[in-house]
Amino acid sequence: MTENIPDADKVVLWYDPADAINHPDETKVARDAWRDGIVSSGYYRDKIGATAADAPTPEDLAIVLAILGNAPDPNLVPEGETEPAEGGTGNDANEAPPPTEDTPSGPNGNGNANPAAVAAAATTLRILGASELAVTRARSLAGSRLVSRSKGCEPCKDAIRDTPLYRVASALGLETVHEVIYGRSTEADLVAGAGEELAQTIAAWGVSEGWSAKIGERIEQHALRTLYEPEPPPLPAGFAAVVARALQ
C-alpha cells in the first residue's frame, strides 16, 4: 500500500481531536429554553458568549421593537436625545434638546426631556418586552399540555420529538390538535394562564387592574390566534398604543 507514496516511512497517521475537545454549540438550546421561559436572559447571554455589559439599552430595545412593528409612541423621546423635528438625528444621545418657548431653561427646566415622559417610555418598553415573552409562554403552556394529552398517540410523538414546547401545536397541526383535545378541552384552555401571569406582572409596574387584565387578555387571544405559526409573530398592530393609553 505504501509503494507509490514518496517517503512513506516518514508519513504519520493521526486522528483529529477537534470533536473531542471542542465545546458543543448550545446557542439554539439556550435560545429555545429562554423562549420557553425556563432560563433567564443572563443564562442565554452566557451561552452565546455575551456578558451583562452586552445587555440591550432602552434605546436598543426601542430599535428592535420598531423593527418588529411594536415601537412605542414616537412622541416619547428618550432623555438627552433631540427630536428630528428640532434638528436631531437620533444619534445625539449625549446632546440635550434645544430650549424652546415651551421648554424653559434653568435649574428645573433646562430643555431636557420630560422625566414623566421618559419614565412612561421606559415602562412601555418593559411591558412590550414582557408581552413578547408572554406570547411565547402561552405557546409553551399549550405545548406542554398537548405533550401530556398526546402520550397515547404514537404519530404525535414522532411529530413533536425534539420540538421546543412553543412549536408543538405548529408541529402537530390544527387537525391533530383537535383530535388530541376533542371532548376534553378547547384551544383556549391550552393557552390559559399566560395572560393572567402577564397581568400580575405589569400591575406591579403601576398599570391599573382593569388595564392589566385587558392587556393580559389581548396577549392570550393573540397567542391563540397565532398558535399554529412556527414562530411567535410580532405583537398585534396597535398593541403599543393600547399600552401607552394604559399608562396615561
Protein backbone atom coordinates (compact mmCIF):
# COMPACT_ATOMS: atom_id res chain seq x y z
CA MET A 1 0.00 0.00 0.00
CA THR A 2 2.90 2.37 0.60
CA GLU A 3 4.92 1.51 -2.50
CA ASN A 4 3.67 4.54 -4.52
CA ILE A 5 3.92 7.05 -1.64
CA PRO A 6 7.12 9.09 -1.57
CA ASP A 7 8.92 8.89 1.78
CA ALA A 8 6.20 6.59 3.10
CA ASP A 9 8.32 5.78 6.13
CA LYS A 10 8.04 9.43 7.22
CA VAL A 11 4.23 9.61 6.98
CA VAL A 12 2.34 9.64 10.29
CA LEU A 13 -1.42 8.98 10.52
CA TRP A 14 -3.26 10.51 13.46
CA TYR A 15 -6.83 11.39 14.45
CA ASP A 16 -8.42 14.85 14.59
CA PRO A 17 -9.22 15.59 18.27
CA ALA A 18 -11.46 18.57 17.44
CA ASP A 19 -14.72 16.75 18.12
CA ALA A 20 -13.40 15.57 21.47
CA ILE A 21 -12.14 18.90 22.77
CA ASN A 22 -14.50 21.46 21.16
CA HIS A 23 -17.43 22.54 23.28
CA PRO A 24 -20.82 21.81 21.68
CA ASP A 25 -22.76 24.79 20.36
CA GLU A 26 -25.56 25.29 22.90
CA THR A 27 -26.86 28.52 21.36
CA LYS A 28 -30.07 27.04 19.92
CA VAL A 29 -30.82 25.05 23.08
CA ALA A 30 -30.31 28.15 25.22
CA ARG A 31 -32.48 30.27 22.91
CA ASP A 32 -35.32 27.74 22.96
CA ALA A 33 -35.08 27.40 26.74
CA TRP A 34 -35.22 31.18 27.13
CA ARG A 35 -38.25 31.40 24.82
CA ASP A 36 -39.94 28.65 26.81
CA GLY A 37 -39.43 30.68 29.98
CA ILE A 38 -37.16 28.05 31.53
CA VAL A 39 -33.95 30.07 31.84
CA SER A 40 -33.07 33.73 32.31
CA SER A 41 -31.73 36.17 29.75
CA GLY A 42 -28.48 36.15 31.72
CA TYR A 43 -28.13 32.40 31.15
CA TYR A 44 -28.84 32.91 27.44
CA ARG A 45 -26.19 35.63 27.20
CA ASP A 46 -23.65 33.39 28.95
CA LYS A 47 -24.23 30.56 26.47
CA ILE A 48 -23.64 32.81 23.47
CA GLY A 49 -20.52 34.32 24.99
CA ALA A 50 -22.05 37.68 25.95
CA THR A 51 -21.90 39.45 29.31
CA ALA A 52 -24.22 41.64 31.34
CA ALA A 53 -22.49 44.64 29.76
CA ASP A 54 -23.86 43.45 26.41
CA ALA A 55 -27.48 43.67 27.59
CA PRO A 56 -29.61 45.97 25.39
CA THR A 57 -30.17 49.55 26.45
CA PRO A 58 -33.65 51.11 26.31
CA GLU A 59 -32.57 52.72 23.02
CA ASP A 60 -31.54 49.29 21.64
CA LEU A 61 -34.88 47.83 22.66
CA ALA A 62 -36.70 50.73 21.02
CA ILE A 63 -34.92 49.98 17.73
CA VAL A 64 -35.75 46.27 17.95
CA LEU A 65 -39.38 46.99 18.75
CA ALA A 66 -39.56 49.43 15.86
CA ILE A 67 -38.24 46.74 13.51
CA LEU A 68 -40.86 44.32 14.86
CA GLY A 69 -43.57 46.93 14.32
CA ASN A 70 -44.16 47.50 18.03
CA ALA A 71 -42.46 50.85 18.56
CA PRO A 72 -43.82 52.95 21.42
CA ASP A 73 -45.31 56.39 20.89
CA PRO A 74 -42.67 58.30 18.84
CA ASN A 75 -43.56 61.44 20.78
CA LEU A 76 -41.97 59.93 23.87
CA VAL A 77 -38.36 60.97 23.27
CA PRO A 78 -35.59 59.44 25.44
CA GLU A 79 -33.87 61.88 27.75
CA GLY A 80 -30.88 63.54 26.16
CA GLU A 81 -31.94 62.97 22.54
CA THR A 82 -33.16 65.68 20.18
CA GLU A 83 -36.35 65.15 18.23
CA PRO A 84 -35.92 65.00 14.41
CA ALA A 85 -38.35 67.91 14.09
CA GLU A 86 -35.92 70.01 16.13
CA GLY A 87 -32.86 69.09 14.12
CA GLY A 88 -31.91 65.88 15.92
CA THR A 89 -30.53 62.88 14.05
CA GLY A 90 -31.41 60.17 16.52
CA ASN A 91 -27.71 59.66 17.28
CA ASP A 92 -27.08 62.58 19.61
CA ALA A 93 -27.75 60.64 22.81
CA ASN A 94 -25.48 62.97 24.79
CA GLU A 95 -26.98 66.20 23.46
CA ALA A 96 -29.96 67.75 25.21
CA PRO A 97 -32.85 69.08 23.10
CA PRO A 98 -32.53 72.82 22.48
CA PRO A 99 -34.62 75.14 24.68
CA THR A 100 -37.88 76.42 23.23
CA GLU A 101 -40.52 78.88 24.35
CA ASP A 102 -42.47 75.98 25.85
CA THR A 103 -39.38 74.45 27.46
CA PRO A 104 -37.89 76.99 29.87
CA SER A 105 -34.19 76.96 30.73
CA GLY A 106 -32.98 76.97 34.30
CA PRO A 107 -32.27 74.56 37.17
CA ASN A 108 -35.69 72.90 36.85
CA GLY A 109 -36.23 73.38 33.12
CA ASN A 110 -33.02 73.13 31.15
CA GLY A 111 -34.52 71.74 27.97
CA ASN A 112 -34.20 68.06 28.92
CA ALA A 113 -37.00 65.65 28.09
CA ASN A 114 -39.91 65.47 30.50
CA PRO A 115 -38.94 62.94 33.20
CA ALA A 116 -42.52 61.65 33.32
CA ALA A 117 -42.48 61.02 29.57
CA VAL A 118 -39.13 59.22 29.82
CA ALA A 119 -40.45 57.06 32.66
CA ALA A 120 -43.57 56.23 30.67
CA ALA A 121 -41.46 55.31 27.64
CA ALA A 122 -39.28 53.01 29.76
CA THR A 123 -42.33 51.33 31.29
CA THR A 124 -43.88 50.95 27.83
CA LEU A 125 -40.76 49.14 26.64
CA ARG A 126 -40.82 46.86 29.69
CA ILE A 127 -44.45 45.95 29.09
CA LEU A 128 -43.89 45.32 25.39
CA GLY A 129 -40.94 43.08 26.17
CA ALA A 130 -42.90 41.20 28.84
CA SER A 131 -45.78 40.81 26.39
CA GLU A 132 -43.49 39.26 23.76
CA LEU A 133 -42.35 36.74 26.36
CA ALA A 134 -45.95 36.14 27.45
CA VAL A 135 -46.88 35.09 23.91
CA THR A 136 -44.08 32.52 23.94
CA ARG A 137 -45.12 31.49 27.44
CA ALA A 138 -48.70 30.90 26.25
CA ARG A 139 -47.47 28.79 23.33
CA SER A 140 -45.21 26.81 25.67
CA LEU A 141 -48.12 26.16 28.04
CA ALA A 142 -50.12 24.87 25.08
CA GLY A 143 -47.20 22.69 24.01
CA SER A 144 -46.77 21.22 27.49
CA ARG A 145 -50.47 20.41 27.74
CA LEU A 146 -50.51 18.85 24.28
CA VAL A 147 -47.48 16.69 25.09
CA SER A 148 -49.24 15.45 28.22
CA ARG A 149 -52.53 14.72 26.43
CA SER A 150 -50.98 13.03 23.40
CA LYS A 151 -48.98 10.37 25.23
CA GLY A 152 -51.07 7.60 23.71
CA CYS A 153 -50.63 8.91 20.18
CA GLU A 154 -47.55 7.37 18.55
CA PRO A 155 -47.70 9.55 15.39
CA CYS A 156 -47.90 12.58 17.66
CA LYS A 157 -44.74 11.52 19.49
CA ASP A 158 -42.90 11.23 16.19
CA ALA A 159 -44.15 14.64 15.04
CA ILE A 160 -43.04 16.52 18.16
CA ARG A 161 -39.88 14.63 19.10
CA ASP A 162 -37.14 17.17 19.98
CA THR A 163 -39.57 20.02 19.26
CA PRO A 164 -39.50 23.07 21.59
CA LEU A 165 -42.71 23.40 23.56
CA TYR A 166 -43.66 26.68 21.89
CA ARG A 167 -43.68 24.92 18.50
CA VAL A 168 -45.59 21.77 19.49
CA ALA A 169 -49.00 22.99 18.29
CA SER A 170 -47.48 24.05 14.98
CA ALA A 171 -45.73 20.70 14.56
CA LEU A 172 -48.92 18.74 15.24
CA GLY A 173 -51.19 20.94 13.14
CA LEU A 174 -54.74 22.08 13.74
CA GLU A 175 -56.45 18.80 12.79
CA THR A 176 -54.28 16.64 15.05
CA VAL A 177 -54.60 19.10 17.94
CA HIS A 178 -58.37 18.95 17.64
CA GLU A 179 -58.21 15.16 17.76
CA VAL A 180 -55.97 15.24 20.84
CA ILE A 181 -58.16 17.64 22.85
CA TYR A 182 -61.56 16.59 21.47
CA GLY A 183 -64.13 16.34 24.25
CA ARG A 184 -61.66 17.25 26.97
CA SER A 185 -60.74 20.89 26.46
CA THR A 186 -60.52 23.69 23.92
CA GLU A 187 -57.67 25.54 22.23
CA ALA A 188 -58.36 28.48 24.54
CA ASP A 189 -57.74 26.19 27.51
CA LEU A 190 -54.34 25.32 26.07
CA VAL A 191 -53.01 28.88 26.39
CA ALA A 192 -54.96 29.78 29.54
CA GLY A 193 -52.93 31.30 32.35
CA ALA A 194 -50.30 33.22 30.40
CA GLY A 195 -52.44 36.36 30.21
CA GLU A 196 -53.11 36.33 33.94
CA GLU A 197 -49.39 35.96 34.67
CA LEU A 198 -48.64 38.97 32.47
CA ALA A 199 -51.42 41.00 34.12
CA GLN A 200 -49.98 40.33 37.57
CA THR A 201 -46.51 41.30 36.39
CA ILE A 202 -47.41 44.64 34.83
CA ALA A 203 -49.80 45.55 37.64
CA ALA A 204 -46.72 45.67 39.86
CA TRP A 205 -45.30 48.27 37.43
CA GLY A 206 -48.15 50.69 38.04
CA VAL A 207 -50.73 49.56 35.46
CA SER A 208 -54.27 49.62 36.83
CA GLU A 209 -56.04 46.34 37.49
CA GLY A 210 -58.53 46.91 34.68
CA TRP A 211 -55.90 47.76 32.08
CA SER A 212 -53.51 44.99 33.17
CA ALA A 213 -56.30 42.43 32.82
CA LYS A 214 -57.23 43.82 29.38
CA ILE A 215 -53.61 43.65 28.19
CA GLY A 216 -53.27 40.10 29.52
CA GLU A 217 -56.43 39.05 27.69
CA ARG A 218 -55.23 40.58 24.42
CA ILE A 219 -51.93 38.74 24.61
CA GLU A 220 -53.63 35.43 25.36
CA GLN A 221 -56.01 35.94 22.42
CA HIS A 222 -53.07 36.84 20.16
CA ALA A 223 -51.25 33.66 21.18
CA LEU A 224 -54.40 31.65 20.49
CA ARG A 225 -54.93 33.17 17.03
CA THR A 226 -51.33 32.50 16.02
CA LEU A 227 -50.86 29.18 17.80
CA TYR A 228 -50.15 27.21 14.62
CA GLU A 229 -47.49 29.54 13.26
CA PRO A 230 -43.99 28.03 13.58
CA GLU A 231 -42.57 31.11 15.35
CA PRO A 232 -44.22 33.64 17.67
CA PRO A 233 -45.30 36.54 15.42
CA PRO A 234 -44.93 40.24 16.27
CA LEU A 235 -47.41 41.72 18.69
CA PRO A 236 -50.69 42.80 17.07
CA ALA A 237 -50.87 46.17 15.33
CA GLY A 238 -51.92 48.90 17.70
CA PHE A 239 -50.87 46.99 20.81
CA ALA A 240 -48.21 49.57 21.70
CA ALA A 241 -50.90 52.27 21.54
CA VAL A 242 -53.04 50.28 23.99
CA VAL A 243 -50.10 50.07 26.39
CA ALA A 244 -49.48 53.80 26.07
CA ARG A 245 -53.13 54.53 26.92
CA ALA A 246 -52.93 52.20 29.91
CA LEU A 247 -50.09 54.31 31.32
CA GLN A 248 -51.84 57.68 30.91
